[in-house]
Amino acid sequence: MTSKLDQLRAMTTVVADSGDIEAVARLKPVDCTTNPTIVLKALGTPMFADAIKEAIAWGKKQGGTPDAVASAVADRLAISVGAALSGLVPGRVSTEVDADLSFNTEGSIAKARAIIAAYKERGISHDRILIKLASTWEGIRAAEVLQKEGIDCNLTLLFSKAQAVACADAKVFLISPFVGRILDWYKKSTGKEYAPEEDPGVLSVREIYNYYKANDIKTIVMGASFRSAGEVEALAGCDRLTISPNLLDELAKDEGKLERKLSPENKTSVSKIAVDERTFRWMMNEDAMATEKLAEGIRAFAKDLIALRTMVGKELQLAAA
C-alpha cells in the first residue's frame, strides 16, 4: 500500500507551507508558500546566516532613513528565502506583500512589482512566483490589476464565499481559503469539537470548490492552514493543498486508504453571483468569523513583519558601530 501522501499527490497538487529548506528538500512538494511568520522563522536558522550578512552589507550602502533602509533589507531577506525555496521546487513560490499594505491598493501593486523585479535580478522569472495578497477588497483590486499585467496572485487570509466570489470576478490565479483558522473560531465560539466531515473550515472550502467548478471558474482553490491530517484528507482532490511539514510527514507514514473527496465531475449546480464593493463589505460585516479572522490574520502578519524589520534595524546598528 502506498502512503496517504503519495495517494494525495495522485489527485491534488501538494504544496509545502514552510520556509524550512531541509524539510522542503526532503518532502519534494511542487510549490512552496511563505508569509512573514514563515520568513522570520526561516531567517532564525543557521542556513540563512550568510544571507543576513549579505543583506546587512547591502543595506549599509543604501540611502534613506534608518526605518526605510531596515524595510528594504527585510524585503531583500524575504526574497532570499523565496529564492532558496525556488531552487528546490519545480513550481511556484508565494511571496507576500507587506501586511501593512492590506488596505492600500496602489501600495500593494507597487510592492508586488518590486518583488517581481527583485526576483528577476536573481534570475528568477515572474512565472515562478505568486504574489500573496490579503483577501481584503483593496487586495483583490490590486490582484485584478496585477493579473492583467501577467503577474499571478495568491489571495490569502480567505475565510468566506464573499471573498472567493470577489477573487473569481477579479480573475485571480489562486486563492488560499484557510481551514484551520475557521475551525479555531468555531471551536472557541461554540465550545464544540468537530470531526473532519463536519469541520466548518472543511465545509467552507468544499462550498467554494463546488461554486468554482459549477461555474467553470478557472481560479485555483488551494486549501491552507490545517490543524490535522484529518482536515487534509477531508479535502483530498482539491486543486492544491498547502500543508506544513509535520502533517506531510504524518501523511507519508500512514499507509491507509485515502478516499477522494473533491472532484470536478461531482459538482452540484449553483448559480453564479457577482459581488460589488458594497455587497462584499456587507457580506463580510454579516460574517463575524470571516471579519474577525481576516483582521486577526493581518495583525499577526504585520506583527511578524515589524519583528523582522526590528531585527534588521538592530543588525544595521551593530554593523555601523
C-alpha atoms as a PDB file:
ATOM      1  CA  MET A   1       0.000   0.000   0.000  1.00  0.00           C
ATOM      2  CA  THR A   2       1.329   3.438  -0.873  1.00  0.00           C
ATOM      3  CA  SER A   3       1.328   6.204   1.709  1.00  0.00           C
ATOM      4  CA  LYS A   4      -1.538   8.644   2.024  1.00  0.00           C
ATOM      5  CA  LEU A   5       0.840  11.391   0.908  1.00  0.00           C
ATOM      6  CA  ASP A   6       1.586   9.550  -2.344  1.00  0.00           C
ATOM      7  CA  GLN A   7      -2.124   8.868  -2.821  1.00  0.00           C
ATOM      8  CA  LEU A   8      -2.849  12.547  -2.216  1.00  0.00           C
ATOM      9  CA  ARG A   9      -0.243  13.564  -4.798  1.00  0.00           C
ATOM     10  CA  ALA A  10      -2.103  11.465  -7.379  1.00  0.00           C
ATOM     11  CA  MET A  11      -5.223  13.636  -7.021  1.00  0.00           C
ATOM     12  CA  THR A  12      -4.030  17.004  -5.646  1.00  0.00           C
ATOM     13  CA  THR A  13      -1.016  19.256  -6.191  1.00  0.00           C
ATOM     14  CA  VAL A  14       0.833  19.186  -2.864  1.00  0.00           C
ATOM     15  CA  VAL A  15       2.408  22.441  -1.694  1.00  0.00           C
ATOM     16  CA  ALA A  16       4.667  22.927   1.334  1.00  0.00           C
ATOM     17  CA  ASP A  17       3.600  25.640   3.744  1.00  0.00           C
ATOM     18  CA  SER A  18       7.107  26.227   5.009  1.00  0.00           C
ATOM     19  CA  GLY A  19      10.407  28.048   4.717  1.00  0.00           C
ATOM     20  CA  ASP A  20      12.249  25.034   6.158  1.00  0.00           C
ATOM     21  CA  ILE A  21      14.798  24.293   3.440  1.00  0.00           C
ATOM     22  CA  GLU A  22      15.677  20.814   4.728  1.00  0.00           C
ATOM     23  CA  ALA A  23      12.020  19.806   5.004  1.00  0.00           C
ATOM     24  CA  VAL A  24      11.226  21.074   1.506  1.00  0.00           C
ATOM     25  CA  ALA A  25      14.217  19.226   0.046  1.00  0.00           C
ATOM     26  CA  ARG A  26      13.122  16.028   1.790  1.00  0.00           C
ATOM     27  CA  LEU A  27       9.393  16.189   1.068  1.00  0.00           C
ATOM     28  CA  LYS A  28       9.650  17.444  -2.523  1.00  0.00           C
ATOM     29  CA  PRO A  29       6.446  19.491  -2.873  1.00  0.00           C
ATOM     30  CA  VAL A  30       5.520  21.065  -6.208  1.00  0.00           C
ATOM     31  CA  ASP A  31       5.200  24.608  -4.798  1.00  0.00           C
ATOM     32  CA  CYS A  32       6.046  26.474  -1.596  1.00  0.00           C
ATOM     33  CA  THR A  33       4.123  29.157   0.233  1.00  0.00           C
ATOM     34  CA  THR A  34       5.632  31.697   2.604  1.00  0.00           C
ATOM     35  CA  ASN A  35       4.359  34.519   4.794  1.00  0.00           C
ATOM     36  CA  PRO A  36       6.037  36.936   7.236  1.00  0.00           C
ATOM     37  CA  THR A  37       5.838  34.357  10.038  1.00  0.00           C
ATOM     38  CA  ILE A  38       7.498  31.675   7.914  1.00  0.00           C
ATOM     39  CA  VAL A  39      10.180  34.080   6.638  1.00  0.00           C
ATOM     40  CA  LEU A  40      11.021  35.228  10.163  1.00  0.00           C
ATOM     41  CA  LYS A  41      11.314  31.622  11.354  1.00  0.00           C
ATOM     42  CA  ALA A  42      13.499  30.649   8.379  1.00  0.00           C
ATOM     43  CA  LEU A  43      15.861  33.550   8.979  1.00  0.00           C
ATOM     44  CA  GLY A  44      16.350  32.332  12.546  1.00  0.00           C
ATOM     45  CA  THR A  45      18.086  29.180  11.268  1.00  0.00           C
ATOM     46  CA  PRO A  46      21.845  28.873  10.577  1.00  0.00           C
ATOM     47  CA  MET A  47      21.106  28.219   6.904  1.00  0.00           C
ATOM     48  CA  PHE A  48      20.373  31.903   6.283  1.00  0.00           C
ATOM     49  CA  ALA A  49      23.248  33.386   8.318  1.00  0.00           C
ATOM     50  CA  ASP A  50      25.153  34.288   5.152  1.00  0.00           C
ATOM     51  CA  ALA A  51      22.044  35.767   3.530  1.00  0.00           C
ATOM     52  CA  ILE A  52      21.582  38.023   6.556  1.00  0.00           C
ATOM     53  CA  LYS A  53      25.214  39.169   6.399  1.00  0.00           C
ATOM     54  CA  GLU A  54      24.894  39.902   2.680  1.00  0.00           C
ATOM     55  CA  ALA A  55      21.657  41.836   3.140  1.00  0.00           C
ATOM     56  CA  ILE A  56      23.080  43.894   6.017  1.00  0.00           C
ATOM     57  CA  ALA A  57      26.184  44.724   3.954  1.00  0.00           C
ATOM     58  CA  TRP A  58      23.890  45.742   1.087  1.00  0.00           C
ATOM     59  CA  GLY A  59      21.772  47.833   3.449  1.00  0.00           C
ATOM     60  CA  LYS A  60      24.786  49.788   4.685  1.00  0.00           C
ATOM     61  CA  LYS A  61      25.277  51.090   1.149  1.00  0.00           C
ATOM     62  CA  GLN A  62      21.680  52.290   0.762  1.00  0.00           C
ATOM     63  CA  GLY A  63      20.478  55.816   1.363  1.00  0.00           C
ATOM     64  CA  GLY A  64      17.387  56.898   3.259  1.00  0.00           C
ATOM     65  CA  THR A  65      16.103  56.921   6.808  1.00  0.00           C
ATOM     66  CA  PRO A  66      17.023  54.050   9.160  1.00  0.00           C
ATOM     67  CA  ASP A  67      13.440  52.754   9.001  1.00  0.00           C
ATOM     68  CA  ALA A  68      13.403  52.844   5.191  1.00  0.00           C
ATOM     69  CA  VAL A  69      16.716  51.007   4.980  1.00  0.00           C
ATOM     70  CA  ALA A  70      15.573  48.385   7.512  1.00  0.00           C
ATOM     71  CA  SER A  71      12.406  47.848   5.482  1.00  0.00           C
ATOM     72  CA  ALA A  72      14.399  47.462   2.255  1.00  0.00           C
ATOM     73  CA  VAL A  73      16.755  44.942   3.879  1.00  0.00           C
ATOM     74  CA  ALA A  74      13.792  42.993   5.274  1.00  0.00           C
ATOM     75  CA  ASP A  75      12.351  42.842   1.748  1.00  0.00           C
ATOM     76  CA  ARG A  76      15.693  41.592   0.441  1.00  0.00           C
ATOM     77  CA  LEU A  77      15.755  38.841   3.051  1.00  0.00           C
ATOM     78  CA  ALA A  78      12.235  37.717   2.191  1.00  0.00           C
ATOM     79  CA  ILE A  79      13.394  37.386  -1.420  1.00  0.00           C
ATOM     80  CA  SER A  80      16.452  35.432  -0.238  1.00  0.00           C
ATOM     81  CA  VAL A  81      14.166  32.884   1.453  1.00  0.00           C
ATOM     82  CA  GLY A  82      11.946  32.684  -1.615  1.00  0.00           C
ATOM     83  CA  ALA A  83      14.924  32.313  -3.943  1.00  0.00           C
ATOM     84  CA  ALA A  84      16.317  29.447  -1.864  1.00  0.00           C
ATOM     85  CA  LEU A  85      12.940  27.697  -1.990  1.00  0.00           C
ATOM     86  CA  SER A  86      12.615  28.253  -5.743  1.00  0.00           C
ATOM     87  CA  GLY A  87      15.785  26.242  -6.219  1.00  0.00           C
ATOM     88  CA  LEU A  88      14.131  23.246  -4.570  1.00  0.00           C
ATOM     89  CA  VAL A  89      10.644  23.152  -6.088  1.00  0.00           C
ATOM     90  CA  PRO A  90       9.707  22.791  -9.751  1.00  0.00           C
ATOM     91  CA  GLY A  91       6.719  25.096  -9.433  1.00  0.00           C
ATOM     92  CA  ARG A  92       5.902  28.374  -7.744  1.00  0.00           C
ATOM     93  CA  VAL A  93       6.975  30.188  -4.595  1.00  0.00           C
ATOM     94  CA  SER A  94       4.447  32.517  -2.972  1.00  0.00           C
ATOM     95  CA  THR A  95       5.860  35.745  -1.561  1.00  0.00           C
ATOM     96  CA  GLU A  96       3.670  38.059   0.490  1.00  0.00           C
ATOM     97  CA  VAL A  97       3.073  41.774   0.047  1.00  0.00           C
ATOM     98  CA  ASP A  98       3.556  43.639   3.334  1.00  0.00           C
ATOM     99  CA  ALA A  99       0.592  43.167   5.659  1.00  0.00           C
ATOM    100  CA  ASP A 100       0.525  46.896   6.427  1.00  0.00           C
ATOM    101  CA  LEU A 101      -0.474  47.437   2.777  1.00  0.00           C
ATOM    102  CA  SER A 102      -3.578  45.246   3.086  1.00  0.00           C
ATOM    103  CA  PHE A 103      -5.917  48.241   2.667  1.00  0.00           C
ATOM    104  CA  ASN A 104      -3.751  50.089   0.135  1.00  0.00           C
ATOM    105  CA  THR A 105      -4.395  49.043  -3.463  1.00  0.00           C
ATOM    106  CA  GLU A 106      -1.785  51.240  -5.130  1.00  0.00           C
ATOM    107  CA  GLY A 107       0.804  50.457  -2.472  1.00  0.00           C
ATOM    108  CA  SER A 108       0.203  46.734  -2.901  1.00  0.00           C
ATOM    109  CA  ILE A 109       0.583  46.972  -6.680  1.00  0.00           C
ATOM    110  CA  ALA A 110       3.869  48.868  -6.338  1.00  0.00           C
ATOM    111  CA  LYS A 111       5.214  46.376  -3.789  1.00  0.00           C
ATOM    112  CA  ALA A 112       4.222  43.414  -5.953  1.00  0.00           C
ATOM    113  CA  ARG A 113       6.037  44.885  -8.954  1.00  0.00           C
ATOM    114  CA  ALA A 114       9.107  45.465  -6.771  1.00  0.00           C
ATOM    115  CA  ILE A 115       9.023  41.834  -5.571  1.00  0.00           C
ATOM    116  CA  ILE A 116       8.884  40.549  -9.148  1.00  0.00           C
ATOM    117  CA  ALA A 117      11.765  42.872 -10.125  1.00  0.00           C
ATOM    118  CA  ALA A 118      13.852  41.669  -7.163  1.00  0.00           C
ATOM    119  CA  TYR A 119      13.377  38.045  -8.183  1.00  0.00           C
ATOM    120  CA  LYS A 120      14.254  38.911 -11.780  1.00  0.00           C
ATOM    121  CA  GLU A 121      17.578  40.382 -10.558  1.00  0.00           C
ATOM    122  CA  ARG A 122      18.340  36.913  -9.172  1.00  0.00           C
ATOM    123  CA  GLY A 123      17.453  35.209 -12.435  1.00  0.00           C
ATOM    124  CA  ILE A 124      14.035  34.005 -11.271  1.00  0.00           C
ATOM    125  CA  SER A 125      11.249  34.751 -13.730  1.00  0.00           C
ATOM    126  CA  HIS A 126       7.812  36.029 -12.777  1.00  0.00           C
ATOM    127  CA  ASP A 127       6.174  32.743 -13.786  1.00  0.00           C
ATOM    128  CA  ARG A 128       7.925  31.040 -10.847  1.00  0.00           C
ATOM    129  CA  ILE A 129       6.411  33.454  -8.328  1.00  0.00           C
ATOM    130  CA  LEU A 130       2.957  34.019  -6.870  1.00  0.00           C
ATOM    131  CA  ILE A 131       2.298  37.361  -5.209  1.00  0.00           C
ATOM    132  CA  LYS A 132       0.383  36.845  -1.969  1.00  0.00           C
ATOM    133  CA  LEU A 133      -2.156  39.474  -1.006  1.00  0.00           C
ATOM    134  CA  ALA A 134      -4.682  39.578   1.813  1.00  0.00           C
ATOM    135  CA  SER A 135      -8.249  38.998   0.581  1.00  0.00           C
ATOM    136  CA  THR A 136      -9.429  42.477   1.500  1.00  0.00           C
ATOM    137  CA  TRP A 137     -11.406  44.444  -1.077  1.00  0.00           C
ATOM    138  CA  GLU A 138      -8.276  46.516  -1.705  1.00  0.00           C
ATOM    139  CA  GLY A 139      -6.065  43.442  -2.007  1.00  0.00           C
ATOM    140  CA  ILE A 140      -8.439  41.870  -4.527  1.00  0.00           C
ATOM    141  CA  ARG A 141      -8.467  45.060  -6.592  1.00  0.00           C
ATOM    142  CA  ALA A 142      -4.646  45.075  -6.576  1.00  0.00           C
ATOM    143  CA  ALA A 143      -4.644  41.467  -7.757  1.00  0.00           C
ATOM    144  CA  GLU A 144      -7.029  42.349 -10.587  1.00  0.00           C
ATOM    145  CA  VAL A 145      -4.526  44.905 -11.913  1.00  0.00           C
ATOM    146  CA  LEU A 146      -1.538  42.620 -11.443  1.00  0.00           C
ATOM    147  CA  GLN A 147      -3.231  39.694 -13.194  1.00  0.00           C
ATOM    148  CA  LYS A 148      -3.794  41.890 -16.250  1.00  0.00           C
ATOM    149  CA  GLU A 149      -0.033  42.585 -16.229  1.00  0.00           C
ATOM    150  CA  GLY A 150       0.728  38.857 -16.230  1.00  0.00           C
ATOM    151  CA  ILE A 151       1.678  38.730 -12.533  1.00  0.00           C
ATOM    152  CA  ASP A 152      -0.140  35.786 -10.960  1.00  0.00           C
ATOM    153  CA  CYS A 153      -1.524  36.244  -7.463  1.00  0.00           C
ATOM    154  CA  ASN A 154      -2.345  34.098  -4.450  1.00  0.00           C
ATOM    155  CA  LEU A 155      -5.126  35.658  -2.364  1.00  0.00           C
ATOM    156  CA  THR A 156      -4.609  34.628   1.234  1.00  0.00           C
ATOM    157  CA  LEU A 157      -6.453  35.043   4.542  1.00  0.00           C
ATOM    158  CA  LEU A 158      -9.632  33.928   2.788  1.00  0.00           C
ATOM    159  CA  PHE A 159     -12.450  32.845   5.078  1.00  0.00           C
ATOM    160  CA  SER A 160     -15.705  33.374   3.193  1.00  0.00           C
ATOM    161  CA  LYS A 161     -17.589  32.808  -0.023  1.00  0.00           C
ATOM    162  CA  ALA A 162     -17.835  36.589  -0.452  1.00  0.00           C
ATOM    163  CA  GLN A 163     -14.044  36.795  -0.680  1.00  0.00           C
ATOM    164  CA  ALA A 164     -13.903  33.782  -3.002  1.00  0.00           C
ATOM    165  CA  VAL A 165     -16.524  35.207  -5.374  1.00  0.00           C
ATOM    166  CA  ALA A 166     -14.802  38.601  -5.489  1.00  0.00           C
ATOM    167  CA  CYS A 167     -11.490  36.873  -6.269  1.00  0.00           C
ATOM    168  CA  ALA A 168     -13.113  34.910  -9.081  1.00  0.00           C
ATOM    169  CA  ASP A 169     -14.613  38.106 -10.523  1.00  0.00           C
ATOM    170  CA  ALA A 170     -11.108  39.629 -10.474  1.00  0.00           C
ATOM    171  CA  LYS A 171      -9.753  36.556 -12.322  1.00  0.00           C
ATOM    172  CA  VAL A 172      -7.244  35.834  -9.583  1.00  0.00           C
ATOM    173  CA  PHE A 173      -4.882  32.931 -10.342  1.00  0.00           C
ATOM    174  CA  LEU A 174      -5.221  31.185  -6.963  1.00  0.00           C
ATOM    175  CA  ILE A 175      -6.977  31.532  -3.615  1.00  0.00           C
ATOM    176  CA  SER A 176      -5.928  30.135  -0.228  1.00  0.00           C
ATOM    177  CA  PRO A 177      -9.029  29.507   1.895  1.00  0.00           C
ATOM    178  CA  PHE A 178      -7.945  28.907   5.487  1.00  0.00           C
ATOM    179  CA  VAL A 179      -9.313  25.715   7.007  1.00  0.00           C
ATOM    180  CA  GLY A 180      -7.798  25.521  10.481  1.00  0.00           C
ATOM    181  CA  ARG A 181      -8.361  29.145  11.441  1.00  0.00           C
ATOM    182  CA  ILE A 182     -12.053  28.797  10.627  1.00  0.00           C
ATOM    183  CA  LEU A 183     -12.158  25.711  12.841  1.00  0.00           C
ATOM    184  CA  ASP A 184     -10.358  27.623  15.616  1.00  0.00           C
ATOM    185  CA  TRP A 185     -13.045  30.320  15.577  1.00  0.00           C
ATOM    186  CA  TYR A 186     -15.941  27.883  15.731  1.00  0.00           C
ATOM    187  CA  LYS A 187     -14.386  25.778  18.476  1.00  0.00           C
ATOM    188  CA  LYS A 188     -13.863  28.905  20.568  1.00  0.00           C
ATOM    189  CA  SER A 189     -17.328  30.235  19.755  1.00  0.00           C
ATOM    190  CA  THR A 190     -19.297  27.035  20.357  1.00  0.00           C
ATOM    191  CA  GLY A 191     -17.087  25.029  22.697  1.00  0.00           C
ATOM    192  CA  LYS A 192     -17.601  22.020  20.414  1.00  0.00           C
ATOM    193  CA  GLU A 193     -15.139  19.605  18.895  1.00  0.00           C
ATOM    194  CA  TYR A 194     -15.614  18.867  15.176  1.00  0.00           C
ATOM    195  CA  ALA A 195     -14.867  15.716  13.209  1.00  0.00           C
ATOM    196  CA  PRO A 196     -13.349  16.350   9.761  1.00  0.00           C
ATOM    197  CA  GLU A 197     -16.635  15.734   7.925  1.00  0.00           C
ATOM    198  CA  GLU A 198     -18.407  18.429   9.969  1.00  0.00           C
ATOM    199  CA  ASP A 199     -15.401  20.758  10.293  1.00  0.00           C
ATOM    200  CA  PRO A 200     -16.595  24.294   9.368  1.00  0.00           C
ATOM    201  CA  GLY A 201     -13.289  25.024   7.617  1.00  0.00           C
ATOM    202  CA  VAL A 202     -13.530  21.879   5.513  1.00  0.00           C
ATOM    203  CA  LEU A 203     -17.144  22.627   4.619  1.00  0.00           C
ATOM    204  CA  SER A 204     -16.239  26.193   3.634  1.00  0.00           C
ATOM    205  CA  VAL A 205     -13.558  25.036   1.188  1.00  0.00           C
ATOM    206  CA  ARG A 206     -15.867  22.383  -0.249  1.00  0.00           C
ATOM    207  CA  GLU A 207     -18.539  25.026  -0.868  1.00  0.00           C
ATOM    208  CA  ILE A 208     -16.062  27.349  -2.599  1.00  0.00           C
ATOM    209  CA  TYR A 209     -14.609  24.492  -4.673  1.00  0.00           C
ATOM    210  CA  ASN A 210     -18.084  23.423  -5.810  1.00  0.00           C
ATOM    211  CA  TYR A 211     -19.051  27.017  -6.677  1.00  0.00           C
ATOM    212  CA  TYR A 212     -15.942  27.413  -8.817  1.00  0.00           C
ATOM    213  CA  LYS A 213     -16.325  24.099 -10.648  1.00  0.00           C
ATOM    214  CA  ALA A 214     -20.065  24.511 -11.176  1.00  0.00           C
ATOM    215  CA  ASN A 215     -19.470  27.872 -12.831  1.00  0.00           C
ATOM    216  CA  ASP A 216     -16.334  26.912 -14.771  1.00  0.00           C
ATOM    217  CA  ILE A 217     -14.211  29.382 -12.808  1.00  0.00           C
ATOM    218  CA  LYS A 218     -10.519  28.844 -13.551  1.00  0.00           C
ATOM    219  CA  THR A 219      -9.176  30.278 -10.276  1.00  0.00           C
ATOM    220  CA  ILE A 220      -7.280  27.547  -8.407  1.00  0.00           C
ATOM    221  CA  VAL A 221      -8.521  26.557  -4.941  1.00  0.00           C
ATOM    222  CA  MET A 222      -5.674  25.787  -2.547  1.00  0.00           C
ATOM    223  CA  GLY A 223      -6.788  24.795   0.945  1.00  0.00           C
ATOM    224  CA  ALA A 224      -4.447  26.128   3.633  1.00  0.00           C
ATOM    225  CA  SER A 225      -3.970  26.394   7.405  1.00  0.00           C
ATOM    226  CA  PHE A 226      -4.548  22.821   8.509  1.00  0.00           C
ATOM    227  CA  ARG A 227      -4.799  21.685  12.110  1.00  0.00           C
ATOM    228  CA  SER A 228      -4.780  17.933  11.467  1.00  0.00           C
ATOM    229  CA  ALA A 229      -4.149  15.296   8.821  1.00  0.00           C
ATOM    230  CA  GLY A 230      -7.878  14.553   9.026  1.00  0.00           C
ATOM    231  CA  GLU A 231      -8.659  18.013   7.640  1.00  0.00           C
ATOM    232  CA  VAL A 232      -6.235  17.427   4.766  1.00  0.00           C
ATOM    233  CA  GLU A 233      -7.800  14.042   3.989  1.00  0.00           C
ATOM    234  CA  ALA A 234     -11.278  15.586   4.032  1.00  0.00           C
ATOM    235  CA  LEU A 235     -10.194  17.840   1.129  1.00  0.00           C
ATOM    236  CA  ALA A 236      -8.377  15.199  -0.922  1.00  0.00           C
ATOM    237  CA  GLY A 237      -8.897  16.055  -4.571  1.00  0.00           C
ATOM    238  CA  CYS A 238      -8.890  19.820  -4.074  1.00  0.00           C
ATOM    239  CA  ASP A 239      -6.875  21.612  -6.777  1.00  0.00           C
ATOM    240  CA  ARG A 240      -3.985  22.237  -4.395  1.00  0.00           C
ATOM    241  CA  LEU A 241      -3.348  21.898  -0.679  1.00  0.00           C
ATOM    242  CA  THR A 242      -0.564  23.738   1.156  1.00  0.00           C
ATOM    243  CA  ILE A 243       0.497  21.647   4.129  1.00  0.00           C
ATOM    244  CA  SER A 244       3.013  22.051   6.949  1.00  0.00           C
ATOM    245  CA  PRO A 245       5.998  19.628   7.067  1.00  0.00           C
ATOM    246  CA  ASN A 246       4.783  17.889  10.231  1.00  0.00           C
ATOM    247  CA  LEU A 247       1.463  16.966   8.592  1.00  0.00           C
ATOM    248  CA  LEU A 248       3.219  15.965   5.369  1.00  0.00           C
ATOM    249  CA  ASP A 249       5.389  13.633   7.442  1.00  0.00           C
ATOM    250  CA  GLU A 250       2.310  12.210   9.172  1.00  0.00           C
ATOM    251  CA  LEU A 251       0.634  11.504   5.832  1.00  0.00           C
ATOM    252  CA  ALA A 252       3.850   9.966   4.497  1.00  0.00           C
ATOM    253  CA  LYS A 253       3.914   7.453   7.363  1.00  0.00           C
ATOM    254  CA  ASP A 254       0.240   6.473   7.028  1.00  0.00           C
ATOM    255  CA  GLU A 255      -0.396   3.656   4.538  1.00  0.00           C
ATOM    256  CA  GLY A 256      -4.171   3.567   4.942  1.00  0.00           C
ATOM    257  CA  LYS A 257      -6.530   4.112   2.025  1.00  0.00           C
ATOM    258  CA  LEU A 258      -7.195   7.739   1.094  1.00  0.00           C
ATOM    259  CA  GLU A 259     -10.632   8.455  -0.357  1.00  0.00           C
ATOM    260  CA  ARG A 260     -11.048  11.234  -2.887  1.00  0.00           C
ATOM    261  CA  LYS A 261     -13.483  13.803  -1.501  1.00  0.00           C
ATOM    262  CA  LEU A 262     -13.475  16.518  -4.183  1.00  0.00           C
ATOM    263  CA  SER A 263     -13.682  16.148  -7.956  1.00  0.00           C
ATOM    264  CA  PRO A 264     -14.809  18.470 -10.759  1.00  0.00           C
ATOM    265  CA  GLU A 265     -17.057  15.679 -12.001  1.00  0.00           C
ATOM    266  CA  ASN A 266     -19.003  15.619  -8.736  1.00  0.00           C
ATOM    267  CA  LYS A 267     -20.005  19.276  -8.739  1.00  0.00           C
ATOM    268  CA  THR A 268     -23.572  20.279  -7.987  1.00  0.00           C
ATOM    269  CA  SER A 269     -25.341  23.126  -9.755  1.00  0.00           C
ATOM    270  CA  VAL A 270     -25.172  26.520  -8.058  1.00  0.00           C
ATOM    271  CA  SER A 271     -25.968  29.928  -9.529  1.00  0.00           C
ATOM    272  CA  LYS A 272     -23.139  32.334 -10.248  1.00  0.00           C
ATOM    273  CA  ILE A 273     -23.272  35.621  -8.373  1.00  0.00           C
ATOM    274  CA  ALA A 274     -21.445  38.940  -8.673  1.00  0.00           C
ATOM    275  CA  VAL A 275     -20.076  40.847  -5.701  1.00  0.00           C
ATOM    276  CA  ASP A 276     -19.538  44.600  -5.923  1.00  0.00           C
ATOM    277  CA  GLU A 277     -17.819  46.584  -3.177  1.00  0.00           C
ATOM    278  CA  ARG A 278     -20.971  47.392  -1.242  1.00  0.00           C
ATOM    279  CA  THR A 279     -22.165  43.766  -1.340  1.00  0.00           C
ATOM    280  CA  PHE A 280     -18.718  42.491  -0.389  1.00  0.00           C
ATOM    281  CA  ARG A 281     -18.451  44.744   2.637  1.00  0.00           C
ATOM    282  CA  TRP A 282     -21.984  43.917   3.766  1.00  0.00           C
ATOM    283  CA  MET A 283     -21.435  40.165   3.415  1.00  0.00           C
ATOM    284  CA  MET A 284     -18.209  40.436   5.391  1.00  0.00           C
ATOM    285  CA  ASN A 285     -19.946  42.533   8.036  1.00  0.00           C
ATOM    286  CA  GLU A 286     -22.602  39.829   8.414  1.00  0.00           C
ATOM    287  CA  ASP A 287     -19.945  37.102   8.788  1.00  0.00           C
ATOM    288  CA  ALA A 288     -18.380  37.604  12.212  1.00  0.00           C
ATOM    289  CA  MET A 289     -15.937  34.727  11.751  1.00  0.00           C
ATOM    290  CA  ALA A 290     -14.575  35.985   8.426  1.00  0.00           C
ATOM    291  CA  THR A 291     -14.327  39.577   9.629  1.00  0.00           C
ATOM    292  CA  GLU A 292     -12.544  38.657  12.860  1.00  0.00           C
ATOM    293  CA  LYS A 293     -10.160  36.106  11.335  1.00  0.00           C
ATOM    294  CA  LEU A 294      -9.200  38.396   8.437  1.00  0.00           C
ATOM    295  CA  ALA A 295      -8.385  41.254  10.823  1.00  0.00           C
ATOM    296  CA  GLU A 296      -6.578  38.917  13.213  1.00  0.00           C
ATOM    297  CA  GLY A 297      -4.502  37.430  10.384  1.00  0.00           C
ATOM    298  CA  ILE A 298      -3.452  40.830   9.076  1.00  0.00           C
ATOM    299  CA  ARG A 299      -2.450  41.915  12.599  1.00  0.00           C
ATOM    300  CA  ALA A 300      -0.422  38.734  13.135  1.00  0.00           C
ATOM    301  CA  PHE A 301       1.446  39.069   9.843  1.00  0.00           C
ATOM    302  CA  ALA A 302       2.041  42.773  10.498  1.00  0.00           C
ATOM    303  CA  LYS A 303       3.450  41.928  13.935  1.00  0.00           C
ATOM    304  CA  ASP A 304       5.940  39.474  12.436  1.00  0.00           C
ATOM    305  CA  LEU A 305       6.824  41.966   9.711  1.00  0.00           C
ATOM    306  CA  ILE A 306       7.618  44.546  12.418  1.00  0.00           C
ATOM    307  CA  ALA A 307       9.665  41.930  14.272  1.00  0.00           C
ATOM    308  CA  LEU A 308      11.679  41.243  11.115  1.00  0.00           C
ATOM    309  CA  ARG A 309      12.287  44.942  10.475  1.00  0.00           C
ATOM    310  CA  THR A 310      13.273  45.437  14.127  1.00  0.00           C
ATOM    311  CA  MET A 311      15.764  42.578  13.929  1.00  0.00           C
ATOM    312  CA  VAL A 312      17.230  44.069  10.755  1.00  0.00           C
ATOM    313  CA  GLY A 313      17.431  47.526  12.342  1.00  0.00           C
ATOM    314  CA  LYS A 314      19.431  46.159  15.254  1.00  0.00           C
ATOM    315  CA  GLU A 315      21.794  44.317  12.902  1.00  0.00           C
ATOM    316  CA  LEU A 316      22.298  47.518  10.894  1.00  0.00           C
ATOM    317  CA  GLN A 317      23.098  49.445  14.077  1.00  0.00           C
ATOM    318  CA  LEU A 318      25.639  46.801  15.123  1.00  0.00           C
ATOM    319  CA  ALA A 319      27.229  46.875  11.662  1.00  0.00           C
ATOM    320  CA  ALA A 320      27.541  50.662  11.838  1.00  0.00           C
ATOM    321  CA  ALA A 321      29.121  50.661  15.306  1.00  0.00           C
END
